[in-house]
Amino acid sequence: MSTNTLIADRIEIADLFTRFARLLDEKRWEDADTVFTDDVEVHSPRAGEIHGIDKVVGFLRQAEVEGEHTQHVTTDLLVDVNGDQAAASGNSLVYFYREGQAPHRTSGLRLAGTVVRTPAGWRLSESRTMLAWMHEK
């Protein structure tokens, strides 16, 4: 694999993690296919284990809290590309707030996943979220 291809893949995968954070913050569940494969496997402290994009979207819709917003900040992304698949991990700080108010909850997350190249671009085929810490006011 050429260096240029590897760099382009790593940038696209970093963008994928940003799209994932924005999808969550903006509650754009209809755009889940821009982040996940149809057969995605998601593991998270809130959802447990979920298989399939439709079930993931269903959980996200059901988990919405009226009037609560989030801001995800993803950082420290590590990507190991191996052909059409990559292992990726990072950290995420999540701020939970109500419009015009300071956050009432913050959390630190560890993210890990398997990313695959699809005809539409890189997508998460497996996503693992682990809670590192949480602070509530």
C-alpha atoms as a PDB file:
ATOM      1  CA  MET A   1       0.000   0.000   0.000  1.00  0.00           C
ATOM      2  CA  SER A   2       1.427   3.379  -0.954  1.00  0.00           C
ATOM      3  CA  THR A   3       2.107   6.013   1.686  1.00  0.00           C
ATOM      4  CA  ASN A   4      -0.390   8.364   0.002  1.00  0.00           C
ATOM      5  CA  THR A   5      -3.134   5.722   0.149  1.00  0.00           C
ATOM      6  CA  LEU A   6      -2.371   4.958   3.787  1.00  0.00           C
ATOM      7  CA  ILE A   7      -2.499   8.655   4.701  1.00  0.00           C
ATOM      8  CA  ALA A   8      -5.758   9.138   2.781  1.00  0.00           C
ATOM      9  CA  ASP A   9      -7.286   6.096   4.529  1.00  0.00           C
ATOM     10  CA  ARG A  10      -6.251   7.359   7.962  1.00  0.00           C
ATOM     11  CA  ILE A  11      -7.770  10.802   7.241  1.00  0.00           C
ATOM     12  CA  GLU A  12     -11.020   9.214   6.025  1.00  0.00           C
ATOM     13  CA  ILE A  13     -11.208   7.045   9.161  1.00  0.00           C
ATOM     14  CA  ALA A  14     -10.596  10.079  11.396  1.00  0.00           C
ATOM     15  CA  ASP A  15     -13.431  11.815   9.511  1.00  0.00           C
ATOM     16  CA  LEU A  16     -15.602   8.743  10.150  1.00  0.00           C
ATOM     17  CA  PHE A  17     -15.136   9.161  13.918  1.00  0.00           C
ATOM     18  CA  THR A  18     -16.039  12.848  13.583  1.00  0.00           C
ATOM     19  CA  ARG A  19     -19.160  11.953  11.587  1.00  0.00           C
ATOM     20  CA  PHE A  20     -20.078   9.448  14.316  1.00  0.00           C
ATOM     21  CA  ALA A  21     -19.761  12.131  17.033  1.00  0.00           C
ATOM     22  CA  ARG A  22     -21.776  14.649  14.981  1.00  0.00           C
ATOM     23  CA  LEU A  23     -24.458  12.056  14.237  1.00  0.00           C
ATOM     24  CA  LEU A  24     -24.873  11.528  17.990  1.00  0.00           C
ATOM     25  CA  ASP A  25     -24.811  15.244  18.842  1.00  0.00           C
ATOM     26  CA  GLU A  26     -27.223  16.243  16.068  1.00  0.00           C
ATOM     27  CA  LYS A  27     -29.477  13.176  16.487  1.00  0.00           C
ATOM     28  CA  ARG A  28     -29.376  12.512  12.747  1.00  0.00           C
ATOM     29  CA  TRP A  29     -30.360   8.857  13.024  1.00  0.00           C
ATOM     30  CA  GLU A  30     -31.395   8.750   9.360  1.00  0.00           C
ATOM     31  CA  ASP A  31     -27.698   9.192   8.461  1.00  0.00           C
ATOM     32  CA  ALA A  32     -26.546   6.127  10.432  1.00  0.00           C
ATOM     33  CA  ASP A  33     -25.612   4.392   7.168  1.00  0.00           C
ATOM     34  CA  THR A  34     -22.890   7.028   6.640  1.00  0.00           C
ATOM     35  CA  VAL A  35     -21.180   5.712   9.791  1.00  0.00           C
ATOM     36  CA  PHE A  36     -22.142   2.038  10.232  1.00  0.00           C
ATOM     37  CA  THR A  37     -22.318  -1.082   8.087  1.00  0.00           C
ATOM     38  CA  ASP A  38     -25.754  -2.722   7.880  1.00  0.00           C
ATOM     39  CA  ASP A  39     -24.558  -5.612  10.073  1.00  0.00           C
ATOM     40  CA  VAL A  40     -22.727  -3.435  12.638  1.00  0.00           C
ATOM     41  CA  GLU A  41     -22.092  -4.841  16.097  1.00  0.00           C
ATOM     42  CA  VAL A  42     -22.223  -2.229  18.869  1.00  0.00           C
ATOM     43  CA  HIS A  43     -21.118  -2.738  22.474  1.00  0.00           C
ATOM     44  CA  SER A  44     -21.750   0.072  24.945  1.00  0.00           C
ATOM     45  CA  PRO A  45     -22.399   0.557  28.663  1.00  0.00           C
ATOM     46  CA  ARG A  46     -25.912   1.876  27.981  1.00  0.00           C
ATOM     47  CA  ALA A  47     -27.014  -0.473  25.212  1.00  0.00           C
ATOM     48  CA  GLY A  48     -25.169  -3.671  25.996  1.00  0.00           C
ATOM     49  CA  GLU A  49     -24.652  -5.553  22.736  1.00  0.00           C
ATOM     50  CA  ILE A  50     -26.698  -4.673  19.647  1.00  0.00           C
ATOM     51  CA  HIS A  51     -26.471  -6.235  16.173  1.00  0.00           C
ATOM     52  CA  GLY A  52     -27.617  -4.501  12.994  1.00  0.00           C
ATOM     53  CA  ILE A  53     -28.004  -0.880  11.993  1.00  0.00           C
ATOM     54  CA  ASP A  54     -31.802  -0.872  12.432  1.00  0.00           C
ATOM     55  CA  LYS A  55     -31.529  -2.034  16.044  1.00  0.00           C
ATOM     56  CA  VAL A  56     -28.774   0.508  16.741  1.00  0.00           C
ATOM     57  CA  VAL A  57     -30.920   3.330  15.345  1.00  0.00           C
ATOM     58  CA  GLY A  58     -33.898   2.073  17.342  1.00  0.00           C
ATOM     59  CA  PHE A  59     -31.862   2.138  20.534  1.00  0.00           C
ATOM     60  CA  LEU A  60     -30.545   5.651  19.817  1.00  0.00           C
ATOM     61  CA  ARG A  61     -34.066   6.972  19.224  1.00  0.00           C
ATOM     62  CA  GLN A  62     -35.382   5.299  22.389  1.00  0.00           C
ATOM     63  CA  ALA A  63     -32.450   6.586  24.487  1.00  0.00           C
ATOM     64  CA  GLU A  64     -33.093  10.259  23.645  1.00  0.00           C
ATOM     65  CA  VAL A  65     -33.792  12.426  26.705  1.00  0.00           C
ATOM     66  CA  GLU A  66     -36.211  15.304  26.121  1.00  0.00           C
ATOM     67  CA  GLY A  67     -34.356  18.633  26.132  1.00  0.00           C
ATOM     68  CA  GLU A  68     -30.921  17.075  26.667  1.00  0.00           C
ATOM     69  CA  HIS A  69     -28.111  17.697  24.179  1.00  0.00           C
ATOM     70  CA  THR A  70     -24.618  16.271  23.895  1.00  0.00           C
ATOM     71  CA  GLN A  71     -21.287  17.466  22.639  1.00  0.00           C
ATOM     72  CA  HIS A  72     -18.787  14.710  21.847  1.00  0.00           C
ATOM     73  CA  VAL A  73     -15.100  15.613  21.555  1.00  0.00           C
ATOM     74  CA  THR A  74     -13.075  12.746  20.099  1.00  0.00           C
ATOM     75  CA  THR A  75      -9.306  12.747  20.406  1.00  0.00           C
ATOM     76  CA  ASP A  76      -6.156  10.592  20.501  1.00  0.00           C
ATOM     77  CA  LEU A  77      -7.292   8.530  17.514  1.00  0.00           C
ATOM     78  CA  LEU A  78      -5.054   5.597  16.625  1.00  0.00           C
ATOM     79  CA  VAL A  79      -5.611   3.795  13.326  1.00  0.00           C
ATOM     80  CA  ASP A  80      -3.965   0.606  12.071  1.00  0.00           C
ATOM     81  CA  VAL A  81      -4.960   0.034   8.437  1.00  0.00           C
ATOM     82  CA  ASN A  82      -4.607  -3.454   7.016  1.00  0.00           C
ATOM     83  CA  GLY A  83      -5.946  -3.460   3.462  1.00  0.00           C
ATOM     84  CA  ASP A  84      -9.706  -2.935   3.468  1.00  0.00           C
ATOM     85  CA  GLN A  85     -10.001  -3.203   7.254  1.00  0.00           C
ATOM     86  CA  ALA A  86      -8.621  -1.153  10.114  1.00  0.00           C
ATOM     87  CA  ALA A  87      -8.518  -1.235  13.889  1.00  0.00           C
ATOM     88  CA  ALA A  88      -9.210   2.193  15.365  1.00  0.00           C
ATOM     89  CA  SER A  89      -9.331   3.511  18.924  1.00  0.00           C
ATOM     90  CA  GLY A  90      -9.572   6.850  20.648  1.00  0.00           C
ATOM     91  CA  ASN A  91     -10.928   8.802  23.567  1.00  0.00           C
ATOM     92  CA  SER A  92     -14.108  10.827  23.792  1.00  0.00           C
ATOM     93  CA  LEU A  93     -15.239  13.473  26.225  1.00  0.00           C
ATOM     94  CA  VAL A  94     -19.003  13.887  26.305  1.00  0.00           C
ATOM     95  CA  TYR A  95     -20.787  16.922  27.692  1.00  0.00           C
ATOM     96  CA  PHE A  96     -24.511  16.576  28.492  1.00  0.00           C
ATOM     97  CA  TYR A  97     -26.321  19.910  28.657  1.00  0.00           C
ATOM     98  CA  ARG A  98     -29.614  21.697  28.249  1.00  0.00           C
ATOM     99  CA  GLU A  99     -29.890  24.594  25.788  1.00  0.00           C
ATOM    100  CA  GLY A 100     -28.048  27.671  27.106  1.00  0.00           C
ATOM    101  CA  GLN A 101     -26.856  25.928  30.289  1.00  0.00           C
ATOM    102  CA  ALA A 102     -23.516  24.554  31.409  1.00  0.00           C
ATOM    103  CA  PRO A 103     -23.151  20.763  31.306  1.00  0.00           C
ATOM    104  CA  HIS A 104     -24.896  18.859  34.080  1.00  0.00           C
ATOM    105  CA  ARG A 105     -22.968  15.656  33.325  1.00  0.00           C
ATOM    106  CA  THR A 106     -19.641  14.852  31.705  1.00  0.00           C
ATOM    107  CA  SER A 107     -18.061  11.542  30.873  1.00  0.00           C
ATOM    108  CA  GLY A 108     -14.837  10.142  29.531  1.00  0.00           C
ATOM    109  CA  LEU A 109     -15.075   7.245  27.110  1.00  0.00           C
ATOM    110  CA  ARG A 110     -12.641   4.846  25.510  1.00  0.00           C
ATOM    111  CA  LEU A 111     -13.601   3.989  21.927  1.00  0.00           C
ATOM    112  CA  ALA A 112     -12.459   1.027  19.879  1.00  0.00           C
ATOM    113  CA  GLY A 113     -13.704  -0.469  16.688  1.00  0.00           C
ATOM    114  CA  THR A 114     -13.224  -2.299  13.468  1.00  0.00           C
ATOM    115  CA  VAL A 115     -13.597  -0.197  10.353  1.00  0.00           C
ATOM    116  CA  VAL A 116     -14.095  -1.635   6.871  1.00  0.00           C
ATOM    117  CA  ARG A 117     -13.817  -0.145   3.408  1.00  0.00           C
ATOM    118  CA  THR A 118     -17.164  -0.285   1.590  1.00  0.00           C
ATOM    119  CA  PRO A 119     -18.146   1.013  -1.865  1.00  0.00           C
ATOM    120  CA  ALA A 120     -19.529   4.096  -0.035  1.00  0.00           C
ATOM    121  CA  GLY A 121     -16.320   4.634   2.011  1.00  0.00           C
ATOM    122  CA  TRP A 122     -15.062   3.556   5.424  1.00  0.00           C
ATOM    123  CA  ARG A 123     -17.729   2.370   7.901  1.00  0.00           C
ATOM    124  CA  LEU A 124     -17.728   0.984  11.445  1.00  0.00           C
ATOM    125  CA  SER A 125     -18.516  -2.745  11.427  1.00  0.00           C
ATOM    126  CA  GLU A 126     -17.878  -3.038  15.153  1.00  0.00           C
ATOM    127  CA  SER A 127     -17.954  -0.314  17.774  1.00  0.00           C
ATOM    128  CA  ARG A 128     -16.993  -0.684  21.435  1.00  0.00           C
ATOM    129  CA  THR A 129     -17.549   2.121  23.923  1.00  0.00           C
ATOM    130  CA  MET A 130     -16.179   1.763  27.457  1.00  0.00           C
ATOM    131  CA  LEU A 131     -16.961   4.228  30.220  1.00  0.00           C
ATOM    132  CA  ALA A 132     -13.749   5.464  31.867  1.00  0.00           C
ATOM    133  CA  TRP A 133     -15.415   7.981  34.222  1.00  0.00           C
ATOM    134  CA  MET A 134     -18.531  10.075  34.753  1.00  0.00           C
ATOM    135  CA  HIS A 135     -19.197  13.242  36.726  1.00  0.00           C
ATOM    136  CA  GLU A 136     -22.676  14.549  37.575  1.00  0.00           C
ATOM    137  CA  LYS A 137     -23.395  17.946  39.105  1.00  0.00           C
END
